Full PDB file with SEQRES, HELIX, SHEET, SSBOND, CRYST1, ORIGX, SCALE, CONECT and MASTER records, all heavy atoms in Angstrom:
SEQRES   1 A   39  PHE GLY LEU ASP LYS ARG GLU THR LEU PRO ARG TYR CYS          
SEQRES   2 A   39  ARG GLU CYS GLU VAL ARG PHE ALA CYS ASN GLY GLU CYS          
SEQRES   3 A   39  PRO LYS HIS ARG PHE ILE PRO THR PRO ASP GLY GLU GLU          
HELIX    1 AA1 ASP A    4  GLU A    7  1                                   4    
HELIX    2 AA2 ARG A   11  ARG A   14  1                                   4    
HELIX    3 AA3 ARG A   19  CYS A   22  1                                   4    
HELIX    4 AA4 PRO A   27  HIS A   29  5                                   3    
CRYST1    1.000    1.000    1.000  90.00  90.00  90.00 P 1           1          
ORIGX1      1.000000  0.000000  0.000000        0.00000                         
ORIGX2      0.000000  1.000000  0.000000        0.00000                         
ORIGX3      0.000000  0.000000  1.000000        0.00000                         
SCALE1      1.000000  0.000000  0.000000        0.00000                         
SCALE2      0.000000  1.000000  0.000000        0.00000                         
SCALE3      0.000000  0.000000  1.000000        0.00000                         
ATOM      1  N   PHE A   1     259.892 356.287 281.614  1.00  0.00           N  
ATOM      2  CA  PHE A   1     259.227 357.580 281.438  1.00  0.00           C  
ATOM      3  C   PHE A   1     259.472 358.125 280.031  1.00  0.00           C  
ATOM      4  O   PHE A   1     258.545 358.597 279.366  1.00  0.00           O  
ATOM      5  CB  PHE A   1     259.749 358.577 282.472  1.00  0.00           C  
ATOM      6  CG  PHE A   1     259.234 359.979 282.293  1.00  0.00           C  
ATOM      7  CD1 PHE A   1     258.008 360.363 282.817  1.00  0.00           C  
ATOM      8  CD2 PHE A   1     259.981 360.927 281.585  1.00  0.00           C  
ATOM      9  CE1 PHE A   1     257.531 361.664 282.641  1.00  0.00           C  
ATOM     10  CE2 PHE A   1     259.503 362.219 281.401  1.00  0.00           C  
ATOM     11  CZ  PHE A   1     258.277 362.582 281.935  1.00  0.00           C  
ATOM     12  N   GLY A   2     260.715 358.055 279.573  1.00  0.00           N  
ATOM     13  CA  GLY A   2     261.047 358.594 278.256  1.00  0.00           C  
ATOM     14  C   GLY A   2     260.411 357.823 277.124  1.00  0.00           C  
ATOM     15  O   GLY A   2     259.923 358.417 276.148  1.00  0.00           O  
ATOM     16  N   LEU A   3     260.364 356.509 277.219  1.00  0.00           N  
ATOM     17  CA  LEU A   3     259.792 355.687 276.157  1.00  0.00           C  
ATOM     18  C   LEU A   3     258.273 355.768 276.118  1.00  0.00           C  
ATOM     19  O   LEU A   3     257.665 355.564 275.061  1.00  0.00           O  
ATOM     20  CB  LEU A   3     260.225 354.222 276.339  1.00  0.00           C  
ATOM     21  CG  LEU A   3     261.716 353.930 276.129  1.00  0.00           C  
ATOM     22  CD1 LEU A   3     262.012 352.472 276.435  1.00  0.00           C  
ATOM     23  CD2 LEU A   3     262.134 354.275 274.703  1.00  0.00           C  
ATOM     24  N   ASP A   4     257.671 356.073 277.258  1.00  0.00           N  
ATOM     25  CA  ASP A   4     256.206 356.171 277.321  1.00  0.00           C  
ATOM     26  C   ASP A   4     255.658 357.178 276.319  1.00  0.00           C  
ATOM     27  O   ASP A   4     254.551 357.017 275.815  1.00  0.00           O  
ATOM     28  CB  ASP A   4     255.764 356.571 278.732  1.00  0.00           C  
ATOM     29  CG  ASP A   4     255.226 355.381 279.506  1.00  0.00           C  
ATOM     30  OD1 ASP A   4     255.225 354.262 278.957  1.00  0.00           O  
ATOM     31  OD2 ASP A   4     254.818 355.570 280.660  1.00  0.00           O  
ATOM     32  N   LYS A   5     256.420 358.215 276.049  1.00  0.00           N  
ATOM     33  CA  LYS A   5     255.952 359.234 275.107  1.00  0.00           C  
ATOM     34  C   LYS A   5     255.617 358.623 273.753  1.00  0.00           C  
ATOM     35  O   LYS A   5     254.606 358.948 273.136  1.00  0.00           O  
ATOM     36  CB  LYS A   5     257.008 360.325 274.937  1.00  0.00           C  
ATOM     37  CG  LYS A   5     256.569 361.407 273.954  1.00  0.00           C  
ATOM     38  CD  LYS A   5     257.598 362.483 273.765  1.00  0.00           C  
ATOM     39  CE  LYS A   5     257.038 363.520 272.794  1.00  0.00           C  
ATOM     40  NZ  LYS A   5     257.999 364.602 272.519  1.00  0.00           N  
ATOM     41  N   ARG A   6     256.477 357.719 273.287  1.00  0.00           N  
ATOM     42  CA  ARG A   6     256.256 357.064 272.000  1.00  0.00           C  
ATOM     43  C   ARG A   6     255.265 355.910 272.110  1.00  0.00           C  
ATOM     44  O   ARG A   6     254.390 355.744 271.265  1.00  0.00           O  
ATOM     45  CB  ARG A   6     257.595 356.533 271.467  1.00  0.00           C  
ATOM     46  CG  ARG A   6     257.505 355.839 270.108  1.00  0.00           C  
ATOM     47  CD  ARG A   6     258.853 355.272 269.713  1.00  0.00           C  
ATOM     48  NE  ARG A   6     259.276 354.233 270.652  1.00  0.00           N  
ATOM     49  CZ  ARG A   6     260.536 353.860 270.841  1.00  0.00           C  
ATOM     50  NH1 ARG A   6     261.512 354.457 270.172  1.00  0.00           N  
ATOM     51  NH2 ARG A   6     260.845 352.905 271.704  1.00  0.00           N  
ATOM     52  N   GLU A   7     255.400 355.140 273.168  1.00  0.00           N  
ATOM     53  CA  GLU A   7     254.613 353.916 273.287  1.00  0.00           C  
ATOM     54  C   GLU A   7     253.135 354.175 273.589  1.00  0.00           C  
ATOM     55  O   GLU A   7     252.299 353.304 273.339  1.00  0.00           O  
ATOM     56  CB  GLU A   7     255.211 353.014 274.377  1.00  0.00           C  
ATOM     57  CG  GLU A   7     256.663 352.618 274.123  1.00  0.00           C  
ATOM     58  CD  GLU A   7     256.851 351.942 272.775  1.00  0.00           C  
ATOM     59  OE1 GLU A   7     255.999 351.132 272.398  1.00  0.00           O  
ATOM     60  OE2 GLU A   7     257.869 352.240 272.100  1.00  0.00           O  
ATOM     61  N   THR A   8     252.808 355.322 274.143  1.00  0.00           N  
ATOM     62  CA  THR A   8     251.412 355.602 274.495  1.00  0.00           C  
ATOM     63  C   THR A   8     250.685 356.448 273.454  1.00  0.00           C  
ATOM     64  O   THR A   8     249.554 356.883 273.692  1.00  0.00           O  
ATOM     65  CB  THR A   8     251.327 356.314 275.866  1.00  0.00           C  
ATOM     66  OG1 THR A   8     252.074 357.539 275.809  1.00  0.00           O  
ATOM     67  CG2 THR A   8     251.894 355.433 276.969  1.00  0.00           C  
ATOM     68  N   LEU A   9     251.311 356.686 272.305  1.00  0.00           N  
ATOM     69  CA  LEU A   9     250.641 357.446 271.250  1.00  0.00           C  
ATOM     70  C   LEU A   9     249.383 356.711 270.782  1.00  0.00           C  
ATOM     71  O   LEU A   9     249.428 355.518 270.495  1.00  0.00           O  
ATOM     72  CB  LEU A   9     251.559 357.640 270.051  1.00  0.00           C  
ATOM     73  CG  LEU A   9     252.506 358.838 270.027  1.00  0.00           C  
ATOM     74  CD1 LEU A   9     253.336 358.805 268.756  1.00  0.00           C  
ATOM     75  CD2 LEU A   9     251.747 360.141 270.135  1.00  0.00           C  
ATOM     76  N   PRO A  10     248.262 357.402 270.693  1.00  0.00           N  
ATOM     77  CA  PRO A  10     247.063 356.753 270.157  1.00  0.00           C  
ATOM     78  C   PRO A  10     247.221 356.461 268.665  1.00  0.00           C  
ATOM     79  O   PRO A  10     248.081 357.043 267.991  1.00  0.00           O  
ATOM     80  CB  PRO A  10     245.961 357.790 270.413  1.00  0.00           C  
ATOM     81  CG  PRO A  10     246.663 359.093 270.503  1.00  0.00           C  
ATOM     82  CD  PRO A  10     248.012 358.795 271.106  1.00  0.00           C  
ATOM     83  N   ARG A  11     246.413 355.569 268.165  1.00  0.00           N  
ATOM     84  CA  ARG A  11     246.491 355.169 266.760  1.00  0.00           C  
ATOM     85  C   ARG A  11     246.330 356.371 265.831  1.00  0.00           C  
ATOM     86  O   ARG A  11     246.993 356.465 264.788  1.00  0.00           O  
ATOM     87  CB  ARG A  11     245.409 354.133 266.468  1.00  0.00           C  
ATOM     88  CG  ARG A  11     245.405 353.624 265.025  1.00  0.00           C  
ATOM     89  CD  ARG A  11     244.359 352.541 264.827  1.00  0.00           C  
ATOM     90  NE  ARG A  11     244.334 352.094 263.440  1.00  0.00           N  
ATOM     91  CZ  ARG A  11     243.521 351.161 262.986  1.00  0.00           C  
ATOM     92  NH1 ARG A  11     242.656 350.578 263.819  1.00  0.00           N  
ATOM     93  NH2 ARG A  11     243.551 350.805 261.718  1.00  0.00           N  
ATOM     94  N   TYR A  12     245.468 357.295 266.191  1.00  0.00           N  
ATOM     95  CA  TYR A  12     245.235 358.499 265.389  1.00  0.00           C  
ATOM     96  C   TYR A  12     246.542 359.244 265.142  1.00  0.00           C  
ATOM     97  O   TYR A  12     246.790 359.750 264.041  1.00  0.00           O  
ATOM     98  CB  TYR A  12     244.235 359.387 266.118  1.00  0.00           C  
ATOM     99  CG  TYR A  12     243.850 360.653 265.397  1.00  0.00           C  
ATOM    100  CD1 TYR A  12     242.929 360.624 264.357  1.00  0.00           C  
ATOM    101  CD2 TYR A  12     244.384 361.887 265.782  1.00  0.00           C  
ATOM    102  CE1 TYR A  12     242.561 361.798 263.704  1.00  0.00           C  
ATOM    103  CE2 TYR A  12     244.021 363.054 265.136  1.00  0.00           C  
ATOM    104  CZ  TYR A  12     243.106 363.003 264.099  1.00  0.00           C  
ATOM    105  OH  TYR A  12     242.749 364.168 263.452  1.00  0.00           O  
ATOM    106  N   CYS A  13     247.415 359.292 266.160  1.00  0.00           N  
ATOM    107  CA  CYS A  13     248.709 359.958 266.032  1.00  0.00           C  
ATOM    108  C   CYS A  13     249.690 359.110 265.233  1.00  0.00           C  
ATOM    109  O   CYS A  13     250.431 359.624 264.393  1.00  0.00           O  
ATOM    110  CB  CYS A  13     249.294 360.251 267.406  1.00  0.00           C  
ATOM    111  SG  CYS A  13     248.395 361.499 268.355  1.00  0.00           S  
ATOM    112  N   ARG A  14     249.695 357.822 265.500  1.00  0.00           N  
ATOM    113  CA  ARG A  14     250.649 356.941 264.822  1.00  0.00           C  
ATOM    114  C   ARG A  14     250.433 356.934 263.310  1.00  0.00           C  
ATOM    115  O   ARG A  14     251.379 356.735 262.547  1.00  0.00           O  
ATOM    116  CB  ARG A  14     250.538 355.517 265.368  1.00  0.00           C  
ATOM    117  CG  ARG A  14     250.925 355.382 266.834  1.00  0.00           C  
ATOM    118  CD  ARG A  14     251.178 353.933 267.212  1.00  0.00           C  
ATOM    119  NE  ARG A  14     250.036 353.082 266.948  1.00  0.00           N  
ATOM    120  CZ  ARG A  14     249.059 352.807 267.807  1.00  0.00           C  
ATOM    121  NH1 ARG A  14     249.094 353.376 269.015  1.00  0.00           N  
ATOM    122  NH2 ARG A  14     248.061 352.001 267.489  1.00  0.00           N  
ATOM    123  N   GLU A  15     249.205 357.188 262.877  1.00  0.00           N  
ATOM    124  CA  GLU A  15     248.885 357.169 261.453  1.00  0.00           C  
ATOM    125  C   GLU A  15     248.855 358.562 260.834  1.00  0.00           C  
ATOM    126  O   GLU A  15     248.548 358.716 259.654  1.00  0.00           O  
ATOM    127  CB  GLU A  15     247.527 356.479 261.244  1.00  0.00           C  
ATOM    128  CG  GLU A  15     247.532 355.018 261.678  1.00  0.00           C  
ATOM    129  CD  GLU A  15     246.171 354.353 261.537  1.00  0.00           C  
ATOM    130  OE1 GLU A  15     245.177 355.075 261.268  1.00  0.00           O  
ATOM    131  OE2 GLU A  15     246.102 353.117 261.692  1.00  0.00           O  
ATOM    132  N   CYS A  16     249.212 359.571 261.609  1.00  0.00           N  
ATOM    133  CA  CYS A  16     249.134 360.962 261.149  1.00  0.00           C  
ATOM    134  C   CYS A  16     250.284 361.295 260.201  1.00  0.00           C  
ATOM    135  O   CYS A  16     251.430 360.899 260.421  1.00  0.00           O  
ATOM    136  CB  CYS A  16     249.159 361.899 262.349  1.00  0.00           C  
ATOM    137  SG  CYS A  16     249.109 363.657 261.910  1.00  0.00           S  
ATOM    138  N   GLU A  17     249.986 362.071 259.162  1.00  0.00           N  
ATOM    139  CA  GLU A  17     250.998 362.421 258.158  1.00  0.00           C  
ATOM    140  C   GLU A  17     252.048 363.394 258.677  1.00  0.00           C  
ATOM    141  O   GLU A  17     253.119 363.527 258.076  1.00  0.00           O  
ATOM    142  CB  GLU A  17     250.308 363.012 256.922  1.00  0.00           C  
ATOM    143  CG  GLU A  17     249.526 364.291 257.188  1.00  0.00           C  
ATOM    144  CD  GLU A  17     248.721 364.733 255.979  1.00  0.00           C  
ATOM    145  OE1 GLU A  17     249.319 364.854 254.894  1.00  0.00           O  
ATOM    146  OE2 GLU A  17     247.510 364.934 256.127  1.00  0.00           O  
ATOM    147  N   VAL A  18     251.779 364.095 259.759  1.00  0.00           N  
ATOM    148  CA  VAL A  18     252.781 365.013 260.306  1.00  0.00           C  
ATOM    149  C   VAL A  18     253.350 364.512 261.632  1.00  0.00           C  
ATOM    150  O   VAL A  18     253.959 365.265 262.376  1.00  0.00           O  
ATOM    151  CB  VAL A  18     252.205 366.444 260.486  1.00  0.00           C  
ATOM    152  CG1 VAL A  18     251.852 367.036 259.147  1.00  0.00           C  
ATOM    153  CG2 VAL A  18     251.016 366.464 261.433  1.00  0.00           C  
ATOM    154  N   ARG A  19     253.182 363.238 261.889  1.00  0.00           N  
ATOM    155  CA  ARG A  19     253.743 362.683 263.119  1.00  0.00           C  
ATOM    156  C   ARG A  19     255.250 362.902 263.192  1.00  0.00           C  
ATOM    157  O   ARG A  19     255.817 363.142 264.264  1.00  0.00           O  
ATOM    158  CB  ARG A  19     253.441 361.191 263.223  1.00  0.00           C  
ATOM    159  CG  ARG A  19     254.087 360.559 264.468  1.00  0.00           C  
ATOM    160  CD  ARG A  19     254.053 359.055 264.458  1.00  0.00           C  
ATOM    161  NE  ARG A  19     254.890 358.527 265.540  1.00  0.00           N  
ATOM    162  CZ  ARG A  19     255.027 357.249 265.817  1.00  0.00           C  
ATOM    163  NH1 ARG A  19     254.385 356.346 265.083  1.00  0.00           N  
ATOM    164  NH2 ARG A  19     255.808 356.856 266.796  1.00  0.00           N  
ATOM    165  N   PHE A  20     255.942 362.813 262.057  1.00  0.00           N  
ATOM    166  CA  PHE A  20     257.403 362.965 262.049  1.00  0.00           C  
ATOM    167  C   PHE A  20     257.845 364.313 262.602  1.00  0.00           C  
ATOM    168  O   PHE A  20     258.979 364.463 263.084  1.00  0.00           O  
ATOM    169  CB  PHE A  20     257.942 362.794 260.627  1.00  0.00           C  
ATOM    170  CG  PHE A  20     257.669 363.963 259.711  1.00  0.00           C  
ATOM    171  CD1 PHE A  20     258.637 364.916 259.497  1.00  0.00           C  
ATOM    172  CD2 PHE A  20     256.433 364.115 259.090  1.00  0.00           C  
ATOM    173  CE1 PHE A  20     258.399 366.005 258.659  1.00  0.00           C  
ATOM    174  CE2 PHE A  20     256.187 365.192 258.249  1.00  0.00           C  
ATOM    175  CZ  PHE A  20     257.163 366.136 258.030  1.00  0.00           C  
ATOM    176  N   ALA A  21     256.974 365.306 262.539  1.00  0.00           N  
ATOM    177  CA  ALA A  21     257.314 366.641 263.023  1.00  0.00           C  
ATOM    178  C   ALA A  21     256.789 366.899 264.430  1.00  0.00           C  
ATOM    179  O   ALA A  21     257.358 367.702 265.164  1.00  0.00           O  
ATOM    180  CB  ALA A  21     256.755 367.706 262.080  1.00  0.00           C  
ATOM    181  N   CYS A  22     255.736 366.210 264.802  1.00  0.00           N  
ATOM    182  CA  CYS A  22     255.052 366.477 266.067  1.00  0.00           C  
ATOM    183  C   CYS A  22     255.343 365.428 267.136  1.00  0.00           C  
ATOM    184  O   CYS A  22     255.625 365.755 268.287  1.00  0.00           O  
ATOM    185  CB  CYS A  22     253.551 366.564 265.812  1.00  0.00           C  
ATOM    186  SG  CYS A  22     252.535 366.697 267.293  1.00  0.00           S  
ATOM    187  N   ASN A  23     255.217 364.142 266.749  1.00  0.00           N  
ATOM    188  CA  ASN A  23     255.391 363.022 267.682  1.00  0.00           C  
ATOM    189  C   ASN A  23     254.498 363.141 268.917  1.00  0.00           C  
ATOM    190  O   ASN A  23     254.868 362.718 270.016  1.00  0.00           O  
ATOM    191  CB  ASN A  23     256.864 362.901 268.102  1.00  0.00           C  
ATOM    192  CG  ASN A  23     257.715 362.320 266.984  1.00  0.00           C  
ATOM    193  OD1 ASN A  23     257.416 361.270 266.438  1.00  0.00           O  
ATOM    194  ND2 ASN A  23     258.780 363.031 266.616  1.00  0.00           N  
ATOM    195  N   GLY A  24     253.326 363.744 268.720  1.00  0.00           N  
ATOM    196  CA  GLY A  24     252.381 363.859 269.825  1.00  0.00           C  
ATOM    197  C   GLY A  24     252.649 364.997 270.774  1.00  0.00           C  
ATOM    198  O   GLY A  24     251.933 365.186 271.750  1.00  0.00           O  
ATOM    199  N   GLU A  25     253.714 365.755 270.512  1.00  0.00           N  
ATOM    200  CA  GLU A  25     254.142 366.883 271.356  1.00  0.00           C  
ATOM    201  C   GLU A  25     254.274 366.425 272.803  1.00  0.00           C  
ATOM    202  O   GLU A  25     254.489 365.241 273.066  1.00  0.00           O  
ATOM    203  CB  GLU A  25     253.185 368.075 271.193  1.00  0.00           C  
ATOM    204  CG  GLU A  25     253.867 369.418 271.392  1.00  0.00           C  
ATOM    205  CD  GLU A  25     253.336 370.166 272.599  1.00  0.00           C  
ATOM    206  OE1 GLU A  25     252.483 369.645 273.331  1.00  0.00           O  
ATOM    207  OE2 GLU A  25     253.772 371.298 272.811  1.00  0.00           O  
ATOM    208  N   CYS A  26     254.167 367.309 273.762  1.00  0.00           N  
ATOM    209  CA  CYS A  26     254.426 366.957 275.165  1.00  0.00           C  
ATOM    210  C   CYS A  26     253.305 366.088 275.747  1.00  0.00           C  
ATOM    211  O   CYS A  26     252.124 366.420 275.609  1.00  0.00           O  
ATOM    212  CB  CYS A  26     254.565 368.225 276.003  1.00  0.00           C  
ATOM    213  SG  CYS A  26     254.935 367.882 277.746  1.00  0.00           S  
ATOM    214  N   PRO A  27     253.660 364.977 276.405  1.00  0.00           N  
ATOM    215  CA  PRO A  27     252.635 364.113 277.006  1.00  0.00           C  
ATOM    216  C   PRO A  27     251.737 364.844 278.008  1.00  0.00           C  
ATOM    217  O   PRO A  27     250.600 364.437 278.221  1.00  0.00           O  
ATOM    218  CB  PRO A  27     253.469 363.031 277.703  1.00  0.00           C  
ATOM    219  CG  PRO A  27     254.728 362.958 276.905  1.00  0.00           C  
ATOM    220  CD  PRO A  27     255.012 364.393 276.505  1.00  0.00           C  
ATOM    221  N   LYS A  28     252.242 365.904 278.599  1.00  0.00           N  
ATOM    222  CA  LYS A  28     251.420 366.633 279.576  1.00  0.00           C  
ATOM    223  C   LYS A  28     250.194 367.252 278.917  1.00  0.00           C  
ATOM    224  O   LYS A  28     249.192 367.531 279.583  1.00  0.00           O  
ATOM    225  CB  LYS A  28     252.257 367.726 280.252  1.00  0.00           C  
ATOM    226  CG  LYS A  28     251.527 368.391 281.417  1.00  0.00           C  
ATOM    227  CD  LYS A  28     252.386 369.395 282.145  1.00  0.00           C  
ATOM    228  CE  LYS A  28     251.633 369.955 283.353  1.00  0.00           C  
ATOM    229  NZ  LYS A  28     252.434 370.959 284.092  1.00  0.00           N  
ATOM    230  N   HIS A  29     250.246 367.467 277.610  1.00  0.00           N  
ATOM    231  CA  HIS A  29     249.139 368.097 276.898  1.00  0.00           C  
ATOM    232  C   HIS A  29     248.217 367.097 276.216  1.00  0.00           C  
ATOM    233  O   HIS A  29     247.323 367.478 275.482  1.00  0.00           O  
ATOM    234  CB  HIS A  29     249.684 369.084 275.855  1.00  0.00           C  
ATOM    235  CG  HIS A  29     250.543 370.154 276.437  1.00  0.00           C  
ATOM    236  ND1 HIS A  29     251.558 370.765 275.735  1.00  0.00           N  
ATOM    237  CD2 HIS A  29     250.559 370.714 277.676  1.00  0.00           C  
ATOM    238  CE1 HIS A  29     252.151 371.661 276.511  1.00  0.00           C  
ATOM    239  NE2 HIS A  29     251.568 371.647 277.683  1.00  0.00           N  
ATOM    240  N   ARG A  30     248.446 365.812 276.454  1.00  0.00           N  
ATOM    241  CA  ARG A  30     247.632 364.776 275.818  1.00  0.00           C  
ATOM    242  C   ARG A  30     246.455 364.401 276.711  1.00  0.00           C  
ATOM    243  O   ARG A  30     246.466 363.368 277.378  1.00  0.00           O  
ATOM    244  CB  ARG A  30     248.481 363.535 275.529  1.00  0.00           C  
ATOM    245  CG  ARG A  30     249.646 363.764 274.582  1.00  0.00           C  
ATOM    246  CD  ARG A  30     250.416 362.455 274.420  1.00  0.00           C  
ATOM    247  NE  ARG A  30     251.633 362.618 273.635  1.00  0.00           N  
ATOM    248  CZ  ARG A  30     252.522 361.651 273.456  1.00  0.00           C  
ATOM    249  NH1 ARG A  30     252.320 360.459 273.987  1.00  0.00           N  
ATOM    250  NH2 ARG A  30     253.612 361.859 272.729  1.00  0.00           N  
ATOM    251  N   PHE A  31     245.464 365.233 276.728  1.00  0.00           N  
ATOM    252  CA  PHE A  31     244.357 364.962 277.646  1.00  0.00           C  
ATOM    253  C   PHE A  31     242.973 365.062 276.994  1.00  0.00           C  
ATOM    254  O   PHE A  31     241.967 365.191 277.668  1.00  0.00           O  
ATOM    255  CB  PHE A  31     244.431 365.882 278.869  1.00  0.00           C  
ATOM    256  CG  PHE A  31     244.513 367.354 278.541  1.00  0.00           C  
ATOM    257  CD1 PHE A  31     243.388 368.076 278.187  1.00  0.00           C  
ATOM    258  CD2 PHE A  31     245.725 368.021 278.620  1.00  0.00           C  
ATOM    259  CE1 PHE A  31     243.453 369.436 277.909  1.00  0.00           C  
ATOM    260  CE2 PHE A  31     245.814 369.381 278.345  1.00  0.00           C  
ATOM    261  CZ  PHE A  31     244.671 370.087 277.988  1.00  0.00           C  
ATOM    262  N   ILE A  32     242.910 364.975 275.653  1.00  0.00           N  
ATOM    263  CA  ILE A  32     241.606 364.944 274.991  1.00  0.00           C  
ATOM    264  C   ILE A  32     241.513 363.652 274.168  1.00  0.00           C  
ATOM    265  O   ILE A  32     242.532 363.051 273.823  1.00  0.00           O  
ATOM    266  CB  ILE A  32     241.375 366.174 274.085  1.00  0.00           C  
ATOM    267  CG1 ILE A  32     242.391 366.208 272.931  1.00  0.00           C  
ATOM    268  CG2 ILE A  32     241.430 367.462 274.894  1.00  0.00           C  
ATOM    269  CD1 ILE A  32     242.092 367.297 271.908  1.00  0.00           C  
ATOM    270  N   PRO A  33     240.308 363.209 273.856  1.00  0.00           N  
ATOM    271  CA  PRO A  33     240.155 361.984 273.054  1.00  0.00           C  
ATOM    272  C   PRO A  33     240.363 362.250 271.573  1.00  0.00           C  
ATOM    273  O   PRO A  33     240.158 363.362 271.086  1.00  0.00           O  
ATOM    274  CB  PRO A  33     238.713 361.561 273.354  1.00  0.00           C  
ATOM    275  CG  PRO A  33     238.005 362.850 273.646  1.00  0.00           C  
ATOM    276  CD  PRO A  33     239.013 363.706 274.372  1.00  0.00           C  
ATOM    277  N   THR A  34     240.760 361.219 270.845  1.00  0.00           N  
ATOM    278  CA  THR A  34     240.886 361.301 269.396  1.00  0.00           C  
ATOM    279  C   THR A  34     239.483 361.288 268.782  1.00  0.00           C  
ATOM    280  O   THR A  34     238.494 361.020 269.471  1.00  0.00           O  
ATOM    281  CB  THR A  34     241.672 360.091 268.857  1.00  0.00           C  
ATOM    282  OG1 THR A  34     240.908 358.904 269.093  1.00  0.00           O  
ATOM    283  CG2 THR A  34     243.029 359.983 269.542  1.00  0.00           C  
ATOM    284  N   PRO A  35     239.350 361.582 267.480  1.00  0.00           N  
ATOM    285  CA  PRO A  35     238.031 361.548 266.838  1.00  0.00           C  
ATOM    286  C   PRO A  35     237.311 360.208 266.985  1.00  0.00           C  
ATOM    287  O   PRO A  35     236.077 360.162 266.988  1.00  0.00           O  
ATOM    288  CB  PRO A  35     238.350 361.843 265.369  1.00  0.00           C  
ATOM    289  CG  PRO A  35     239.564 362.702 265.435  1.00  0.00           C  
ATOM    290  CD  PRO A  35     240.371 362.136 266.567  1.00  0.00           C  
ATOM    291  N   ASP A  36     238.079 359.114 267.135  1.00  0.00           N  
ATOM    292  CA  ASP A  36     237.435 357.811 267.301  1.00  0.00           C  
ATOM    293  C   ASP A  36     237.310 357.396 268.760  1.00  0.00           C  
ATOM    294  O   ASP A  36     236.976 356.250 269.067  1.00  0.00           O  
ATOM    295  CB  ASP A  36     238.176 356.732 266.507  1.00  0.00           C  
ATOM    296  CG  ASP A  36     239.652 356.640 266.865  1.00  0.00           C  
ATOM    297  OD1 ASP A  36     240.078 357.340 267.813  1.00  0.00           O  
ATOM    298  OD2 ASP A  36     240.376 355.881 266.214  1.00  0.00           O  
ATOM    299  N   GLY A  37     237.586 358.329 269.673  1.00  0.00           N  
ATOM    300  CA  GLY A  37     237.324 358.087 271.088  1.00  0.00           C  
ATOM    301  C   GLY A  37     238.478 357.562 271.917  1.00  0.00           C  
ATOM    302  O   GLY A  37     238.328 357.373 273.128  1.00  0.00           O  
ATOM    303  N   GLU A  38     239.634 357.331 271.311  1.00  0.00           N  
ATOM    304  CA  GLU A  38     240.782 356.848 272.078  1.00  0.00           C  
ATOM    305  C   GLU A  38     241.374 357.988 272.893  1.00  0.00           C  
ATOM    306  O   GLU A  38     241.463 359.127 272.429  1.00  0.00           O  
ATOM    307  CB  GLU A  38     241.830 356.274 271.129  1.00  0.00           C  
ATOM    308  CG  GLU A  38     242.986 355.575 271.839  1.00  0.00           C  
ATOM    309  CD  GLU A  38     243.981 354.958 270.871  1.00  0.00           C  
ATOM    310  OE1 GLU A  38     243.774 355.082 269.641  1.00  0.00           O  
ATOM    311  OE2 GLU A  38     244.954 354.356 271.343  1.00  0.00           O  
ATOM    312  N   GLU A  39     241.784 357.702 274.104  1.00  0.00           N  
ATOM    313  CA  GLU A  39     242.360 358.724 274.973  1.00  0.00           C  
ATOM    314  C   GLU A  39     243.802 359.032 274.564  1.00  0.00           C  
ATOM    315  O   GLU A  39     244.476 358.206 273.954  1.00  0.00           O  
ATOM    316  CB  GLU A  39     242.336 358.265 276.429  1.00  0.00           C  
ATOM    317  CG  GLU A  39     240.948 358.143 277.021  1.00  0.00           C  
ATOM    318  CD  GLU A  39     240.208 359.471 277.087  1.00  0.00           C  
ATOM    319  OE1 GLU A  39     240.878 360.510 277.293  1.00  0.00           O  
ATOM    320  OE2 GLU A  39     238.981 359.483 276.919  1.00  0.00           O  
TER     321      GLU A  39                                                      
MASTER        0    0    0    4    0    0    0    6  320    1    0    3          
END                                                                             
């Protein structure tokens, strides 16, 4: 469960310049698609 937060980040997040500060925030709030359509 804990590792899923990092491992399920979409590519848009992994390549983001502020990922170091955000890390995708809470997985519960990850429910919209990225600009390129990834969930």
